[in-house]
Protein backbone atom coordinates (compact mmCIF):
# COMPACT_ATOMS: atom_id res chain seq x y z
CA MET A 1 0.03 0.16 -0.11
CA ASN A 2 1.75 3.28 -1.02
CA PHE A 3 1.78 6.50 0.63
CA GLY A 4 -1.46 8.36 -1.45
CA THR A 5 -3.72 5.26 -0.48
CA LYS A 6 -2.71 5.30 3.33
CA PHE A 7 -3.45 8.91 3.41
CA GLU A 8 -6.88 8.62 1.29
CA LEU A 9 -7.34 5.93 4.16
CA TRP A 10 -6.28 8.23 7.02
CA TYR A 11 -8.98 10.47 5.72
CA PHE A 12 -12.00 8.55 5.67
CA LEU A 13 -12.01 7.74 9.12
CA ASN A 14 -11.16 11.05 10.18
CA PRO A 15 -14.23 12.94 8.42
CA THR A 16 -13.98 15.96 10.03
CA PHE A 17 -10.59 16.73 8.50
CA VAL A 18 -10.41 18.92 4.51
CA LYS A 19 -10.57 16.70 1.93
CA PRO A 20 -7.28 17.76 -0.34
CA LYS A 21 -8.62 18.28 -4.02
CA ASN A 22 -6.79 15.48 -5.32
CA VAL A 23 -8.01 12.68 -3.25
CA THR A 24 -9.63 9.60 -4.96
CA THR A 25 -12.37 7.56 -4.29
CA ASN A 26 -9.97 4.68 -3.89
CA ALA A 27 -10.19 4.86 0.04
CA LYS A 28 -13.77 3.94 0.21
CA LYS A 29 -13.09 0.93 -1.92
CA ILE A 30 -10.03 -0.37 -0.04
CA LEU A 31 -11.96 0.10 3.55
CA MET A 32 -15.27 -1.92 2.04
CA LYS A 33 -13.07 -4.72 1.11
CA ILE A 34 -11.28 -4.47 4.35
CA PHE A 35 -14.51 -4.21 6.49
CA THR A 36 -15.75 -6.78 4.32
CA LEU A 37 -13.23 -8.95 5.39
CA ILE A 38 -13.34 -8.23 8.91
CA ILE A 39 -17.16 -8.63 8.71
CA CYS A 40 -16.59 -12.26 7.56
CA PHE A 41 -13.90 -12.97 10.05
CA GLY A 42 -16.26 -11.97 12.82
CA ILE A 43 -18.71 -14.63 11.47
CA MET A 44 -15.96 -17.44 11.15
CA GLN A 45 -14.94 -16.40 14.42
CA THR A 46 -18.69 -16.70 15.55
CA THR A 47 -18.95 -19.77 14.60
CA PHE A 48 -16.15 -21.79 15.71
CA GLY A 49 -16.88 -20.06 18.93
CA GLN A 50 -20.00 -22.00 18.59
CA MET A 51 -18.64 -25.54 18.02
CA THR A 52 -16.18 -24.63 20.96
CA THR A 53 -18.85 -23.63 23.27
CA GLU A 54 -21.06 -27.59 21.53
CA LYS A 55 -17.90 -29.59 22.15
CA GLU A 56 -17.39 -28.17 25.88
CA LYS A 57 -20.81 -28.46 26.99
CA PRO A 58 -20.92 -32.16 27.34
CA LEU A 59 -17.23 -32.07 28.89
CA GLN A 60 -18.56 -29.59 31.56
CA THR A 61 -21.46 -31.65 32.07
CA ILE A 62 -19.33 -34.73 32.84
CA LEU A 63 -17.66 -32.48 35.79
CA ASP A 64 -21.13 -31.37 36.69
CA LYS A 65 -21.98 -35.00 37.41
CA THR A 66 -19.04 -36.05 38.75
CA VAL A 67 -19.23 -33.73 42.14
CA ASP A 68 -22.10 -35.35 43.65
CA GLY A 69 -21.00 -34.03 47.30
CA LYS A 70 -21.28 -37.00 49.08
CA LYS A 71 -17.78 -38.51 47.16
CA VAL A 72 -16.71 -35.40 44.71
CA PHE A 73 -16.61 -32.47 46.45
CA GLY A 74 -14.87 -30.80 43.21
CA THR A 75 -12.78 -31.22 40.41
CA SER A 76 -10.85 -29.65 38.16
CA PHE A 77 -9.57 -31.29 34.33
CA ALA A 78 -7.45 -30.64 31.55
CA ILE A 79 -7.73 -32.15 27.61
CA LYS A 80 -6.18 -31.51 24.54
CA LYS A 81 -6.46 -33.68 21.62
CA ASP A 82 -4.67 -32.32 18.66
CA THR A 83 -5.65 -28.62 18.58
CA LEU A 84 -8.46 -28.70 20.97
CA VAL A 85 -8.08 -27.47 24.40
CA TRP A 86 -10.28 -27.09 27.10
CA ASN A 87 -10.14 -26.56 30.93
CA GLY A 88 -13.38 -27.06 33.36
CA ALA A 89 -14.09 -26.79 36.87
CA SER A 90 -16.78 -28.12 39.16
CA GLY A 91 -17.80 -27.35 42.83
CA ASN A 92 -15.36 -26.05 44.97
CA LEU A 93 -12.22 -26.50 42.31
CA LEU A 94 -11.60 -23.80 40.30
CA ILE A 95 -9.99 -24.08 36.86
CA ASP A 96 -7.07 -22.23 38.30
CA GLN A 97 -6.69 -24.01 41.67
CA PRO A 98 -3.40 -25.25 42.43
CA TYR A 99 -3.61 -28.42 43.69
CA PHE A 100 -2.10 -31.83 45.50
CA ILE A 101 -0.77 -33.77 43.03
CA ALA A 102 0.46 -36.76 45.18
CA SER A 103 2.39 -39.08 43.41
CA THR A 104 1.94 -37.57 40.12
CA THR A 105 4.97 -36.12 41.61
CA LYS A 106 6.84 -39.60 40.40
CA LEU A 107 6.54 -37.83 37.03
CA PHE A 108 8.64 -35.13 38.02
CA THR A 109 11.33 -37.13 39.27
CA THR A 110 10.92 -39.33 36.36
CA ALA A 111 11.37 -36.83 34.31
CA ILE A 112 15.05 -35.31 35.94
CA ILE A 113 16.64 -38.81 36.13
CA LEU A 114 15.37 -39.12 32.07
CA LYS A 115 17.40 -35.35 31.42
CA LEU A 116 20.22 -36.27 33.73
CA ARG A 117 21.53 -39.91 32.28
CA ALA A 118 20.76 -37.57 28.53
CA GLU A 119 23.44 -35.36 30.45
CA SER A 120 25.96 -38.57 31.09
CA LYS A 121 25.45 -37.89 34.78
CA LEU A 122 23.76 -41.21 35.54
CA SER A 123 22.72 -44.26 33.87
CA LEU A 124 19.77 -46.34 34.86
CA ASP A 125 21.89 -49.34 35.22
CA ASP A 126 24.22 -47.63 37.78
CA LYS A 127 24.07 -49.41 41.06
CA ILE A 128 22.56 -46.51 43.66
CA SER A 129 25.26 -47.00 46.12
CA LYS A 130 27.22 -44.61 43.22
CA TYR A 131 25.12 -41.92 44.81
CA ILE A 132 23.77 -42.98 48.43
CA ASP A 133 25.79 -43.73 51.57
CA LYS A 134 26.68 -46.80 53.10
CA SER A 135 25.03 -46.20 56.63
CA ILE A 136 21.41 -45.80 54.74
CA LEU A 137 21.73 -48.59 52.64
CA SER A 138 23.06 -50.97 55.01
CA GLY A 139 20.04 -53.53 55.72
CA LEU A 140 17.55 -51.48 53.10
CA HIS A 141 17.38 -55.22 51.74
CA ILE A 142 17.30 -58.06 53.20
CA TYR A 143 15.59 -60.94 51.35
CA LYS A 144 15.33 -64.53 52.82
CA GLY A 145 18.55 -63.64 54.44
CA LYS A 146 20.32 -61.94 51.61
CA ASP A 147 21.33 -58.92 51.85
CA TYR A 148 20.49 -57.07 48.12
CA SER A 149 20.84 -53.47 49.56
CA GLN A 150 24.27 -53.31 47.69
CA GLU A 151 22.25 -54.80 44.30
CA LEU A 152 18.96 -52.09 43.60
CA THR A 153 20.18 -49.85 40.37
CA ILE A 154 18.40 -47.06 39.90
CA LYS A 155 16.27 -49.11 37.33
CA HIS A 156 14.75 -50.54 39.76
CA LEU A 157 13.81 -47.71 41.55
CA LEU A 158 11.95 -46.20 38.98
CA SER A 159 10.23 -49.67 37.55
CA HIS A 160 9.26 -50.52 41.01
CA THR A 161 11.06 -53.67 40.50
CA SER A 162 13.19 -53.35 43.63
CA GLY A 163 11.54 -54.94 45.66
CA LEU A 164 10.99 -52.82 48.14
CA PRO A 165 7.81 -52.82 50.61
CA ASP A 166 6.22 -49.44 50.10
CA TYR A 167 7.27 -46.95 54.12
CA PHE A 168 3.36 -45.76 53.33
CA GLN A 169 1.50 -47.77 53.03
CA GLY A 170 3.13 -50.76 54.31
CA LYS A 171 3.05 -52.34 57.80
CA GLY A 172 5.74 -52.34 60.19
CA THR A 173 5.86 -53.57 63.12
CA SER A 174 2.90 -51.65 64.88
CA GLY A 175 0.70 -52.87 62.27
CA ILE A 176 -0.84 -49.84 61.13
CA SER A 177 0.18 -48.29 58.10
CA LEU A 178 1.85 -44.48 57.60
CA GLU A 179 -1.02 -44.03 55.41
CA ASN A 180 -3.67 -45.44 58.17
CA GLU A 181 -2.48 -42.65 60.28
CA ILE A 182 -2.79 -39.81 58.11
CA THR A 183 -6.28 -40.86 56.76
CA GLU A 184 -7.24 -41.01 60.49
CA GLY A 185 -6.03 -37.38 61.43
CA ASN A 186 -2.71 -38.63 62.43
CA ASP A 187 -1.21 -35.56 60.42
CA GLN A 188 2.94 -36.32 61.17
CA PHE A 189 6.44 -34.88 59.64
CA TRP A 190 8.92 -37.42 58.43
CA THR A 191 12.21 -37.01 57.19
CA PHE A 192 13.90 -39.02 54.07
CA GLU A 193 16.26 -40.92 56.87
CA GLN A 194 12.79 -41.87 58.48
CA ALA A 195 10.97 -43.14 55.51
CA ILE A 196 14.20 -45.23 55.30
CA GLU A 197 14.17 -46.46 58.48
CA ARG A 198 10.40 -46.64 58.36
CA THR A 199 10.98 -49.16 54.86
CA LYS A 200 13.78 -50.96 56.43
CA LYS A 201 11.73 -52.64 59.16
CA ILE A 202 9.17 -53.85 57.02
CA ILE A 203 10.07 -57.06 54.76
CA PRO A 204 11.03 -57.07 50.89
CA LEU A 205 8.67 -58.67 48.77
CA PHE A 206 11.67 -60.21 46.47
CA ALA A 207 14.90 -60.07 44.91
CA PRO A 208 15.79 -57.21 42.84
CA GLY A 209 15.02 -57.75 39.12
CA THR A 210 12.64 -60.74 39.83
CA LYS A 211 11.80 -61.29 36.35
CA GLY A 212 7.63 -60.53 36.48
CA LYS A 213 7.26 -58.78 39.82
CA ALA A 214 6.80 -55.45 40.82
CA ASN A 215 5.64 -53.98 44.09
CA TYR A 216 4.57 -50.50 44.16
CA SER A 217 6.79 -48.42 46.45
CA ASP A 218 6.94 -44.80 48.07
CA ALA A 219 10.90 -45.70 49.17
CA ASN A 220 11.71 -46.05 45.61
CA PHE A 221 11.30 -42.38 44.51
CA GLN A 222 12.52 -40.91 48.13
CA LEU A 223 15.73 -42.49 47.15
CA LEU A 224 15.75 -41.61 43.32
CA GLY A 225 14.99 -38.09 44.75
CA LYS A 226 17.87 -38.59 47.50
CA ILE A 227 19.76 -39.53 44.38
CA ILE A 228 19.06 -36.37 42.34
CA GLU A 229 19.93 -34.25 45.14
CA ASN A 230 23.26 -35.52 45.30
CA ILE A 231 24.27 -35.86 41.56
CA THR A 232 23.07 -31.90 41.11
CA HIS A 233 23.87 -30.47 44.93
CA LYS A 234 20.41 -29.24 44.73
CA SER A 235 17.36 -29.28 46.50
CA TYR A 236 14.90 -31.47 44.86
CA ALA A 237 12.90 -28.05 44.55
CA GLU A 238 15.55 -26.47 42.99
CA ASN A 239 15.74 -29.42 40.91
CA CYS A 240 11.97 -29.03 39.57
CA SER A 241 12.60 -25.61 39.20
CA GLU A 242 15.41 -26.08 36.93
CA PHE A 243 14.48 -28.41 34.46
CA ILE A 244 10.78 -28.40 34.12
CA ILE A 245 8.82 -25.57 36.37
CA TYR A 246 10.95 -22.49 34.56
CA PRO A 247 11.53 -23.90 31.01
CA LEU A 248 8.12 -24.86 30.48
CA GLY A 249 6.57 -21.41 31.88
CA LEU A 250 4.82 -23.50 35.21
CA THR A 251 3.20 -20.26 37.36
CA LYS A 252 1.70 -22.49 39.50
CA THR A 253 3.59 -25.16 39.95
CA TYR A 254 6.00 -26.09 43.20
CA LEU A 255 7.03 -28.33 46.10
CA TYR A 256 5.17 -28.05 49.04
CA GLN A 257 7.47 -27.39 51.87
CA ASP A 258 5.75 -24.81 54.02
CA SER A 259 3.09 -26.74 56.35
CA THR A 260 1.49 -23.17 57.13
CA ASP A 261 1.15 -23.08 53.18
CA LYS A 262 -2.66 -22.78 52.40
CA THR A 263 -2.62 -21.96 48.65
CA PRO A 264 -3.44 -25.89 47.83
CA LYS A 265 -6.79 -26.68 47.95
CA THR A 266 -7.50 -29.08 50.89
CA LEU A 267 -7.32 -32.58 50.16
CA TYR A 268 -11.16 -35.22 51.16
CA TYR A 269 -11.14 -38.34 52.76
CA LYS A 270 -14.61 -39.38 52.67
CA SER A 271 -17.14 -36.97 53.21
CA ASN A 272 -14.26 -34.59 55.29
CA GLU A 273 -11.46 -32.54 54.39
CA LEU A 274 -8.06 -34.20 55.25
CA ASN A 275 -5.93 -31.53 56.71
CA ILE A 276 -2.43 -33.00 56.35
CA PRO A 277 -0.09 -30.09 55.56
CA LYS A 278 3.01 -32.07 58.11
CA ALA A 279 2.55 -35.34 55.85
CA MET A 280 2.19 -33.44 52.70
CA THR A 281 5.54 -31.44 53.08
CA SER A 282 6.96 -34.61 53.79
CA PHE A 283 6.37 -36.97 50.56
CA GLY A 284 8.58 -34.69 48.54
CA ALA A 285 10.03 -36.50 45.38
CA ASP A 286 7.65 -39.46 45.55
CA GLY A 287 4.49 -37.34 45.72
CA GLY A 288 4.91 -33.60 47.14
CA MET A 289 4.14 -31.61 44.03
CA VAL A 290 1.35 -28.66 44.51
CA SER A 291 -0.40 -27.65 40.60
CA THR A 292 -3.02 -27.22 38.06
CA SER A 293 -4.68 -28.86 35.66
CA THR A 294 -3.57 -25.71 33.17
CA ASP A 295 -0.36 -26.62 34.26
CA MET A 296 0.20 -29.90 34.15
CA LEU A 297 -1.48 -30.18 30.87
CA ILE A 298 1.94 -28.01 29.32
CA PHE A 299 4.14 -30.53 31.98
CA ILE A 300 2.24 -33.56 30.48
CA GLU A 301 3.04 -32.93 27.03
CA ALA A 302 6.08 -31.98 27.27
CA PHE A 303 6.93 -35.00 29.17
CA PHE A 304 5.92 -37.39 26.26
CA THR A 305 7.07 -35.23 23.03
CA GLY A 306 10.98 -34.62 24.11
CA LYS A 307 11.22 -30.88 25.58
CA LEU A 308 11.88 -32.22 28.78
CA PHE A 309 14.28 -35.15 27.60
CA PRO A 310 14.87 -36.70 24.57
CA SER A 311 11.55 -38.56 22.75
CA THR A 312 13.86 -41.82 21.91
CA TYR A 313 13.34 -42.57 25.46
CA ILE A 314 9.49 -43.35 25.76
CA ASP A 315 10.10 -46.45 24.03
CA GLU A 316 12.23 -47.57 26.26
CA LEU A 317 10.11 -46.84 29.71
CA GLN A 318 7.59 -49.12 28.61
CA GLU A 319 8.61 -52.56 30.08
CA TRP A 320 5.58 -53.85 31.95
CA ASN A 321 4.86 -55.49 35.33
CA ASN A 322 1.41 -55.81 36.35
CA ILE A 323 1.33 -53.54 39.93
CA PHE A 324 -2.13 -53.34 40.38
CA PHE A 325 -4.99 -54.41 38.14
CA PRO A 326 -5.63 -52.77 36.10
CA MET A 327 -2.35 -51.00 36.32
CA LYS A 328 1.13 -51.73 35.25
CA SER A 329 4.29 -50.24 36.08
CA GLY A 330 6.92 -49.27 33.48
CA ILE A 331 9.82 -47.57 34.15
CA GLY A 332 9.19 -44.38 35.83
CA ILE A 333 5.75 -44.34 34.21
CA HIS A 334 2.52 -46.60 34.60
CA LEU A 335 0.27 -48.61 32.11
CA PHE A 336 -3.85 -47.61 32.06
CA LYS A 337 -5.46 -50.25 30.00
CA LEU A 338 -8.41 -51.75 30.45
CA PRO A 339 -8.30 -55.55 29.95
CA TRP A 340 -10.53 -57.18 26.86
CA LEU A 341 -13.44 -58.27 29.19
CA PHE A 342 -14.62 -54.19 30.54
CA ASN A 343 -13.06 -52.88 27.13
CA PRO A 344 -14.21 -55.63 24.48
CA THR A 345 -15.62 -53.06 21.76
CA GLY A 346 -11.98 -51.23 22.60
CA ALA A 347 -13.39 -47.97 22.93
CA VAL A 348 -11.29 -47.31 25.37
CA PRO A 349 -7.89 -46.30 24.52
CA TYR A 350 -4.79 -46.83 26.79
CA PHE A 351 -3.36 -44.41 28.22
CA ILE A 352 0.67 -44.14 29.83
CA GLY A 353 1.22 -41.59 32.79
CA HIS A 354 0.66 -41.55 36.67
CA SER A 355 -1.89 -41.09 39.45
CA GLY A 356 -1.92 -40.38 42.82
CA LEU A 357 -3.83 -41.39 45.80
CA SER A 358 -5.51 -38.12 46.34
CA GLY A 359 -7.53 -38.36 43.08
CA ALA A 360 -4.94 -36.36 40.82
CA LEU A 361 -3.46 -37.86 37.59
CA ALA A 362 -1.63 -37.25 34.57
CA TYR A 363 -2.10 -39.61 30.67
CA TYR A 364 -1.23 -39.26 27.25
CA SER A 365 -3.12 -41.72 25.22
CA PRO A 366 -0.74 -42.63 21.96
CA LYS A 367 -3.22 -43.83 20.03
CA GLU A 368 -5.66 -40.98 19.97
CA ASN A 369 -2.89 -38.66 20.54
CA VAL A 370 -5.16 -36.60 23.63
CA PHE A 371 -3.23 -35.33 26.76
CA ILE A 372 -5.57 -35.63 29.76
CA VAL A 373 -4.85 -34.61 33.24
CA GLY A 374 -6.96 -33.40 36.22
CA THR A 375 -8.00 -34.66 40.21
CA VAL A 376 -11.41 -35.56 42.08
CA ASN A 377 -8.79 -34.34 44.79
CA GLN A 378 -10.81 -37.26 46.52
CA VAL A 379 -7.71 -39.97 49.07
CA ALA A 380 -10.87 -42.21 49.77
CA HIS A 381 -11.77 -42.19 45.93
CA PRO A 382 -8.85 -42.39 43.31
CA ASP A 383 -10.89 -44.26 41.01
CA ILE A 384 -13.39 -42.00 39.77
CA SER A 385 -10.91 -40.10 38.62
CA PHE A 386 -10.11 -42.75 36.08
CA LYS A 387 -14.15 -43.49 35.30
CA THR A 388 -13.94 -39.70 34.49
CA MET A 389 -10.69 -39.92 32.13
CA ILE A 390 -12.31 -42.02 30.38
CA LYS A 391 -15.79 -40.25 29.96
CA LEU A 392 -13.79 -37.02 28.87
CA THR A 393 -11.60 -38.79 26.66
CA GLN A 394 -14.27 -40.49 24.82
CA GLN A 395 -16.39 -37.57 24.46
CA ILE A 396 -13.58 -35.29 22.89
CA MET A 397 -12.89 -38.09 20.03
CA LYS A 398 -16.97 -37.81 18.92
CA LYS A 399 -16.60 -36.19 15.69
């Protein structure tokens, strides 16, 4: 567009200006074309908006129906399929409300371990004795009279094939698990060292790397968190910030470390609020992160698309062992796949990712290219989160 035409357009938009004699009517013609384009674009926007709204309504309805005021009091989910992104919340949760992601934190730990691997700072086959003090490992894994403590590898920890018991859900000498104590309202702090000592008092389930064996253990990720800190000489929180939070621009994601912090939504256990800030500061690398569905959607896509570590690693992580129905454990990730009996038509795709006892989850469906994250914020009924994930995924897959 030359200067003369620009001048005529300026005049047309400023009618109080005295029109020079040499100004033609070209400006009016050009503006008419522009206005036509603007109107057409507006119609396209309106049509697209209506289409988006029509797609969003049933998604929101799913969340609204999930909140029943008995088991679920609030829910927040975000889902992405191809270019369509949707965030929704219902009940006492808002879209931008931070919540505890519990063991979904383990994906952060896995991502950092794989990042360190990419930087040649560790190998998954490394013995953890290379990074953990002997005093901590002493007596950690004694199975049928044999001490396997020095044989444990990073891969064993990531894949839950170490045979170590779970310090949180396992019952020690008292016959009561730490989980039971917490859900009964006995909030308490514990350190890494105390978590490991508690683990030592529970009998291991099998020798490390036993073929076809896996046992979910939070102790595995307590150890991985310590390995990360010992390699980098930085805290786990600093590693999360440096490797994940800052690079991805996550604005409401952080490791929960201050028991007076009231930012995350309080958890529920059955029909009651479960206020356990001391415990939440103690989980660390096995379950202490706080986030939002918006942030988690960014994270889970980055995890599976090579933004945090080489995407070629993803295939290597998919060595599956049964862990608890219908879940299988891979190397740092889980597989959620309904068996044929419950999914005869194959309408529900399989998902890879992780979930937490709080009812939080973050998964990816390679078959449908769907990323989905969210929470039902209910410790007693985390299964509802999976049912919600399935419903949302099936809805967004509809043509």
